[in-house]
Protein backbone atom coordinates (compact mmCIF):
# COMPACT_ATOMS: atom_id res chain seq x y z
CA MET A 1 -24.25 0.88 -2.63
CA ASP A 2 -23.48 -2.13 -4.99
CA VAL A 3 -20.35 -3.70 -4.88
CA ARG A 4 -20.46 -4.07 -8.44
CA GLU A 5 -20.62 -0.53 -9.63
CA PHE A 6 -16.82 -0.51 -8.72
CA ASP A 7 -16.83 -3.45 -11.17
CA PHE A 8 -14.76 -3.23 -14.49
CA GLU A 9 -13.94 -5.26 -17.41
CA LEU A 10 -9.32 -5.74 -17.47
CA PRO A 11 -8.06 -7.75 -20.50
CA PRO A 12 -5.20 -9.99 -18.06
CA GLU A 13 -2.33 -8.39 -20.34
CA LEU A 14 -2.55 -6.20 -18.75
CA ILE A 15 -1.89 -6.23 -15.04
CA ALA A 16 1.93 -5.43 -14.63
CA GLN A 17 4.46 -8.78 -13.45
CA GLU A 18 7.49 -6.56 -13.75
CA PRO A 19 7.49 -2.87 -12.56
CA PRO A 20 8.68 -0.89 -15.83
CA ARG A 21 12.55 -0.94 -16.82
CA GLN A 22 13.42 1.83 -15.27
CA ARG A 23 12.02 3.69 -12.37
CA GLY A 24 10.20 6.38 -13.10
CA GLY A 25 9.79 5.48 -16.56
CA SER A 26 5.81 5.25 -15.63
CA ARG A 27 2.74 6.85 -17.83
CA LEU A 28 0.06 8.89 -16.04
CA LEU A 29 -3.35 9.69 -16.48
CA HIS A 30 -4.35 13.23 -15.55
CA LEU A 31 -7.47 13.76 -14.61
CA ASP A 32 -9.01 17.21 -14.19
CA ARG A 33 -11.54 16.14 -11.50
CA ALA A 34 -13.86 19.45 -11.98
CA THR A 35 -13.98 18.85 -16.11
CA GLY A 36 -13.88 15.53 -16.47
CA ALA A 37 -10.28 16.39 -18.44
CA ILE A 38 -7.28 13.60 -19.95
CA GLN A 39 -4.53 14.14 -20.02
CA HIS A 40 -2.13 11.43 -21.12
CA THR A 41 1.49 11.66 -20.23
CA ASN A 42 4.81 10.64 -17.54
CA VAL A 43 5.67 10.12 -14.40
CA THR A 44 8.48 12.55 -15.29
CA ALA A 45 6.34 15.41 -15.35
CA LEU A 46 4.75 15.32 -12.59
CA PRO A 47 6.81 18.54 -11.45
CA ASP A 48 5.14 20.34 -14.28
CA LEU A 49 1.25 18.92 -13.80
CA LEU A 50 1.52 21.02 -9.49
CA ARG A 51 2.21 24.49 -8.78
CA ALA A 52 4.78 26.44 -6.17
CA GLY A 53 3.62 26.25 -3.53
CA ASP A 54 1.84 22.61 -3.31
CA LEU A 55 2.93 20.24 -0.64
CA VAL A 56 3.68 16.35 -1.94
CA VAL A 57 2.53 13.72 1.71
CA VAL A 58 4.50 10.31 1.06
CA ASN A 59 4.57 7.19 2.94
CA ASP A 60 8.10 6.26 3.98
CA THR A 61 6.76 2.79 4.62
CA ARG A 62 9.77 -0.07 4.04
CA VAL A 63 8.23 -3.79 3.18
CA PHE A 64 10.30 -6.40 4.87
CA PRO A 65 10.15 -9.62 2.86
CA ALA A 66 7.28 -11.30 5.40
CA ARG A 67 6.92 -14.12 3.11
CA LEU A 68 7.95 -18.18 4.73
CA LEU A 69 8.69 -20.18 2.77
CA GLY A 70 9.38 -23.72 4.57
CA ARG A 71 7.62 -27.03 5.99
CA ARG A 72 5.64 -28.67 8.25
CA VAL A 73 7.38 -30.66 11.22
CA PRO A 74 7.43 -33.63 10.96
CA SER A 75 5.91 -35.11 8.13
CA GLY A 76 8.06 -31.98 5.58
CA GLY A 77 4.53 -31.32 3.64
CA ALA A 78 5.79 -27.68 2.20
CA VAL A 79 4.01 -24.25 3.94
CA GLU A 80 3.24 -20.65 3.15
CA CYS A 81 3.22 -18.52 5.93
CA LEU A 82 2.73 -14.83 5.06
CA LEU A 83 3.50 -12.38 8.13
CA VAL A 84 0.32 -9.87 8.69
CA ALA A 85 1.12 -8.14 11.97
CA ARG A 86 2.71 -9.01 15.34
CA ILE A 87 0.75 -9.26 18.49
CA ALA A 88 2.62 -7.86 20.96
CA ALA A 89 6.07 -5.66 20.31
CA ASP A 90 7.86 -7.66 23.07
CA ASP A 91 7.05 -10.99 21.75
CA ASP A 92 8.00 -13.00 18.67
CA VAL A 93 3.58 -14.06 18.25
CA TRP A 94 2.32 -13.15 14.37
CA GLU A 95 -1.41 -13.26 13.11
CA ALA A 96 -0.26 -15.06 9.74
CA LEU A 97 -1.89 -16.02 6.74
CA MET A 98 -0.35 -19.94 6.12
CA HIS A 99 -1.12 -22.71 3.68
CA PRO A 100 -2.50 -25.06 3.54
CA GLY A 101 -4.77 -23.90 6.29
CA GLN A 102 -6.44 -27.27 6.80
CA LYS A 103 -2.97 -29.26 8.22
CA LEU A 104 -2.17 -26.44 10.38
CA LYS A 105 -3.96 -26.92 13.14
CA PRO A 106 -2.81 -25.04 17.42
CA GLY A 107 0.16 -27.59 17.90
CA ALA A 108 1.15 -27.91 14.47
CA ARG A 109 5.18 -27.04 14.10
CA VAL A 110 7.13 -25.68 11.26
CA VAL A 111 10.24 -24.81 10.36
CA PHE A 112 11.50 -22.21 7.74
CA GLU A 113 14.89 -22.56 6.83
CA GLY A 114 18.11 -20.68 4.80
CA VAL A 115 21.05 -18.78 6.95
CA HIS A 116 18.70 -19.00 9.41
CA THR A 117 16.03 -20.74 10.43
CA ILE A 118 13.07 -20.30 12.24
CA HIS A 119 10.59 -22.58 13.97
CA GLY A 120 6.96 -21.87 14.75
CA GLU A 121 4.13 -23.56 16.09
CA ILE A 122 0.38 -22.72 15.93
CA LEU A 123 -1.34 -21.35 18.85
CA GLU A 124 -4.59 -20.05 17.62
CA GLN A 125 -6.71 -20.52 14.58
CA ARG A 126 -8.26 -18.63 13.23
CA PHE A 127 -10.68 -17.83 9.66
CA PHE A 128 -9.82 -17.15 6.15
CA GLY A 129 -6.48 -19.56 6.86
CA ARG A 130 -5.72 -16.76 9.06
CA ARG A 131 -3.55 -18.25 12.13
CA ILE A 132 -1.53 -16.79 15.57
CA VAL A 133 1.46 -18.19 15.51
CA ARG A 134 5.16 -18.38 17.88
CA LEU A 135 8.69 -17.98 16.06
CA TRP A 136 11.94 -18.40 17.33
CA THR A 137 15.14 -19.40 15.56
CA GLU A 138 17.58 -22.14 16.31
CA ASP A 139 20.80 -19.60 16.96
CA GLY A 140 19.59 -16.80 19.08
CA SER A 141 19.34 -13.73 16.43
CA THR A 142 16.15 -11.88 16.17
CA ILE A 143 13.29 -12.94 14.42
CA ASP A 144 13.34 -9.49 12.66
CA GLU A 145 17.43 -10.01 11.54
CA ALA A 146 15.99 -13.91 9.88
CA VAL A 147 13.24 -13.00 8.42
CA ASP A 148 15.33 -9.57 6.35
CA ALA A 149 17.02 -12.71 5.48
CA ILE A 150 16.22 -16.08 4.53
CA GLY A 151 12.25 -14.14 4.05
CA HIS A 152 10.38 -13.67 0.60
CA ILE A 153 9.48 -10.05 -0.72
CA PRO A 154 5.92 -10.79 -0.08
CA LEU A 155 4.01 -9.63 -4.16
CA PRO A 156 0.82 -9.33 -4.76
CA PRO A 157 -1.63 -12.52 -5.66
CA TYR A 158 -2.06 -10.93 -9.22
CA ILE A 159 1.43 -10.63 -10.09
CA LYS A 160 2.35 -14.45 -11.72
CA ARG A 161 5.72 -15.52 -10.67
CA ASP A 162 8.17 -15.83 -7.76
CA ASP A 163 9.85 -12.44 -5.99
CA ALA A 164 13.20 -12.16 -7.73
CA PRO A 165 16.45 -10.56 -5.94
CA ALA A 166 15.39 -7.23 -7.84
CA ASP A 167 12.12 -6.73 -6.46
CA ARG A 168 13.83 -6.15 -3.05
CA ASP A 169 14.87 -2.96 -4.26
CA ARG A 170 11.66 -1.95 -7.23
CA TYR A 171 9.07 -3.40 -4.40
CA GLN A 172 10.28 -0.29 -2.03
CA THR A 173 10.13 3.27 -2.93
CA VAL A 174 13.30 5.61 -3.25
CA PHE A 175 12.02 6.98 0.61
CA ALA A 176 11.41 3.82 2.66
CA GLN A 177 12.29 4.29 6.13
CA ALA A 178 10.37 2.99 8.39
CA ARG A 179 9.97 -1.08 8.41
CA GLY A 180 6.73 -2.28 8.71
CA SER A 181 4.65 -3.54 5.96
CA ILE A 182 3.74 -6.27 3.99
CA ALA A 183 2.86 -4.32 0.36
CA ALA A 184 4.29 -1.40 -1.11
CA PRO A 185 2.38 2.04 -0.98
CA THR A 186 2.65 1.98 -4.79
CA ALA A 187 1.92 5.16 -6.33
CA GLY A 188 5.19 5.98 -4.18
CA LEU A 189 6.98 3.58 -6.79
CA HIS A 190 7.02 6.27 -9.43
CA PHE A 191 9.54 8.39 -7.71
CA THR A 192 13.10 9.00 -8.54
CA PRO A 193 15.73 12.14 -6.91
CA ALA A 194 15.47 13.54 -9.91
CA ILE A 195 11.55 13.68 -10.16
CA LEU A 196 12.25 14.79 -5.89
CA ASP A 197 15.05 17.50 -7.60
CA ALA A 198 12.54 19.25 -9.64
CA LEU A 199 9.92 19.37 -7.58
CA ARG A 200 11.93 21.04 -5.47
CA ALA A 201 13.13 23.14 -8.03
CA GLY A 202 9.22 24.32 -8.58
CA GLY A 203 9.10 25.25 -5.09
CA ILE A 204 7.04 22.64 -4.16
CA ALA A 205 7.73 20.54 -1.25
CA MET A 206 7.76 17.16 0.53
CA THR A 207 7.26 15.82 3.85
CA THR A 208 6.65 12.15 4.48
CA ILE A 209 3.80 10.52 7.07
CA THR A 210 4.25 6.86 7.65
CA LEU A 211 1.82 4.20 7.76
CA HIS A 212 2.69 0.92 7.62
CA VAL A 213 0.49 -1.42 4.72
CA GLY A 214 -0.86 -4.23 5.73
CA TYR A 215 -3.16 -7.54 4.87
CA GLY A 216 -6.39 -5.43 4.13
CA THR A 217 -4.38 -4.09 0.65
CA PHE A 218 -5.18 -7.25 -0.63
CA GLN A 219 -8.74 -7.98 0.97
CA PRO A 220 -11.41 -8.81 -0.71
CA VAL A 221 -14.60 -6.71 -0.77
CA ARG A 222 -16.51 -9.72 0.81
CA VAL A 223 -20.13 -7.91 0.67
CA GLU A 224 -23.15 -6.73 -0.95
CA ARG A 225 -23.36 -3.94 -0.28
CA VAL A 226 -20.09 -0.89 -0.30
CA GLU A 227 -21.07 0.66 2.78
CA ASP A 228 -20.65 -3.21 5.27
CA HIS A 229 -17.13 -3.52 4.62
CA ARG A 230 -14.93 -3.36 6.73
CA VAL A 231 -10.81 -2.17 6.73
CA GLU A 232 -8.84 -3.72 8.61
CA PRO A 233 -6.82 -1.79 11.59
CA GLU A 234 -3.43 -0.34 10.42
CA ARG A 235 -0.25 1.48 11.82
CA TYR A 236 0.40 5.24 11.34
CA GLU A 237 2.85 7.81 12.61
CA ILE A 238 3.09 11.75 11.71
CA SER A 239 5.95 13.96 13.00
CA ALA A 240 6.02 16.83 14.49
CA ALA A 241 7.51 18.56 11.26
CA ALA A 242 5.52 16.73 8.84
CA ALA A 243 1.52 18.42 11.19
CA ALA A 244 3.59 21.23 10.79
CA ALA A 245 4.57 21.73 6.62
CA ILE A 246 1.37 20.35 6.38
CA SER A 247 -0.76 22.70 8.33
CA GLY A 248 2.26 25.83 6.99
CA ALA A 249 1.43 25.02 3.34
CA ARG A 250 -2.43 25.04 3.96
CA ALA A 251 -2.22 28.34 5.40
CA ASP A 252 -0.49 29.50 2.49
CA GLY A 253 -2.83 28.66 0.16
CA GLY A 254 -0.54 25.55 -1.46
CA ARG A 255 -2.46 21.95 -2.04
CA ILE A 256 -1.55 19.19 0.16
CA VAL A 257 -0.73 16.33 -2.68
CA ALA A 258 -1.06 12.96 -1.30
CA VAL A 259 0.82 10.24 -2.98
CA GLY A 260 -1.05 7.39 -2.14
CA THR A 261 -4.10 5.89 -0.89
CA THR A 262 -2.14 4.50 2.49
CA THR A 263 -1.09 8.64 2.37
CA THR A 264 -4.71 10.10 2.22
CA ARG A 265 -6.60 7.50 4.65
CA THR A 266 -3.93 8.55 6.90
CA LEU A 267 -4.14 12.23 6.20
CA GLU A 268 -8.72 11.73 6.56
CA HIS A 269 -7.98 9.72 9.62
CA LEU A 270 -6.19 12.20 11.49
CA ALA A 271 -8.16 14.83 10.14
CA ARG A 272 -11.42 13.90 11.87
CA ALA A 273 -8.89 12.70 14.34
CA GLY A 274 -8.34 16.59 15.37
CA ASP A 275 -11.31 18.31 13.56
CA GLY A 276 -9.11 19.44 10.84
CA VAL A 277 -6.29 19.87 12.26
CA ILE A 278 -3.27 17.46 11.99
CA ALA A 279 -1.85 16.70 15.17
CA PRO A 280 1.92 14.57 15.40
CA GLY A 281 1.17 11.07 16.71
CA ARG A 282 0.97 7.41 16.23
CA GLY A 283 -1.90 5.62 16.48
CA VAL A 284 -4.02 3.50 14.23
CA THR A 285 -6.69 3.64 11.41
CA ASP A 286 -9.51 1.51 9.86
CA LEU A 287 -11.02 4.14 8.03
CA PHE A 288 -12.55 3.45 4.74
CA ILE A 289 -13.15 6.40 2.71
CA TYR A 290 -15.94 5.41 -0.09
CA PRO A 291 -18.01 7.94 -2.53
CA GLY A 292 -20.20 10.37 0.28
CA PHE A 293 -17.12 11.04 1.98
CA GLU A 294 -16.10 14.58 2.55
CA PHE A 295 -12.21 14.95 2.13
CA ARG A 296 -10.70 17.86 4.44
CA ILE A 297 -6.96 17.70 3.97
CA VAL A 298 -6.54 16.08 0.34
CA ASP A 299 -6.47 18.19 -2.00
CA ALA A 300 -4.89 15.84 -5.22
CA LEU A 301 -4.06 12.62 -5.51
CA LEU A 302 -1.38 10.65 -7.25
CA THR A 303 -2.45 6.64 -7.77
CA ASN A 304 -2.29 3.23 -9.18
CA PHE A 305 -4.67 1.18 -11.27
CA HIS A 306 -6.63 -0.60 -9.12
CA LEU A 307 -8.46 -3.77 -8.57
CA PRO A 308 -12.62 -4.18 -9.91
CA LYS A 309 -14.68 -4.02 -6.33
CA SER A 310 -10.82 -2.39 -4.26
CA SER A 311 -11.96 -0.88 -1.76
CA LEU A 312 -8.42 0.63 -2.79
CA LEU A 313 -10.77 1.95 -5.83
CA MET A 314 -13.58 3.34 -4.03
CA LEU A 315 -11.21 5.41 -2.35
CA VAL A 316 -9.98 7.01 -5.77
CA ALA A 317 -13.73 7.18 -6.20
CA ALA A 318 -14.66 9.57 -3.30
CA PHE A 319 -12.41 11.77 -4.83
CA ALA A 320 -12.85 12.20 -8.01
CA GLY A 321 -16.99 10.61 -8.66
CA LEU A 322 -17.57 7.11 -9.62
CA ASP A 323 -18.25 8.41 -13.25
CA ARG A 324 -14.99 10.40 -13.81
CA VAL A 325 -13.06 7.65 -12.84
CA ARG A 326 -14.83 5.08 -14.61
CA SER A 327 -14.18 7.19 -17.24
CA ALA A 328 -10.86 7.67 -16.86
CA TYR A 329 -9.79 4.04 -15.97
CA ASP A 330 -11.64 2.68 -19.69
CA ALA A 331 -9.23 5.85 -21.66
CA ALA A 332 -6.60 3.75 -19.32
CA VAL A 333 -7.33 0.26 -20.90
CA ALA A 334 -8.13 1.86 -24.11
CA ALA A 335 -4.56 3.52 -23.61
CA GLY A 336 -2.51 0.06 -22.98
CA TYR A 337 -1.98 2.00 -19.91
CA ARG A 338 -0.91 -1.16 -16.99
CA PHE A 339 -2.22 -1.86 -13.87
CA TYR A 340 -1.83 -2.30 -10.83
CA SER A 341 1.43 -2.25 -8.33
CA TYR A 342 4.26 -1.79 -11.25
CA GLY A 343 1.73 -0.48 -13.76
CA ASP A 344 1.44 3.44 -14.76
CA ALA A 345 0.03 5.89 -12.45
CA MET A 346 -2.88 9.00 -12.48
CA LEU A 347 -2.66 12.15 -11.07
CA ILE A 348 -6.02 13.42 -9.94
CA THR A 349 -6.22 17.04 -9.61
């Protein structure tokens, strides 16, 4: 399948640069994947578009301020570091995206200063700006403590502004708990306590799983054939309570409503690992979902509007059909919907 089939024209002014004025204030496009019918509404209508017995599954990962701004030692030149993943749980060696890459060869030193000071040494040079870097603090505080204090929220590259203090709240979901992501599971950003209360009042249950979102959410598709793309592994965890809730809802005839592509990938990975049965546990998944994929668990999907030629758009097209998604995106553009992380939402049932 040609990656160009997932391209579309998007006016730059529709790329949301700020969150909506109020959480829960986003528009919602409802797509019926059986008929192709489209309804324009608001995310506050979500409880009315679902039904009693449905189970909403959300990702409770928490974004940490993984973007560090500092300088090279001893030259003083500016350096930027996006912490992608810890190499080992017991040490402070990280895989990172670093800029300017050409000047950060093995042995180079960097420093990031604030209420804590973090020092770094480049250990290894990898492809596409990747580096392996060892970090340590000046005052003996943990790297996590120091990063939380002086780091910046890693807003996606299509948001053309510096992060602001408000992003520490608005780029988190209301159910964020498990620290570990460098990007928000953005479909979850639309939920408010009032929406959650309305879901419960309508007999719609909710449970949480965890998938720590990595660089793969920004990773461009650099191949020409969809089938040749690979998704980077990401860590997940699902509790016994969540697994039981999913199994119980399915046994009772309820629909599994996945909030976001991260939740969808985790559930479908688990379904394959357990031959259709969702079992508790933790692990990693590199599942890449594109048209032709057979969904085993997810019955409905709440998601944002995604980048052209992205793996996330391919997942949505796999779920609803490429022609249906193209029509929905055309309708969203014509109606002036806001796109990407801080943008509006689409519910596919």
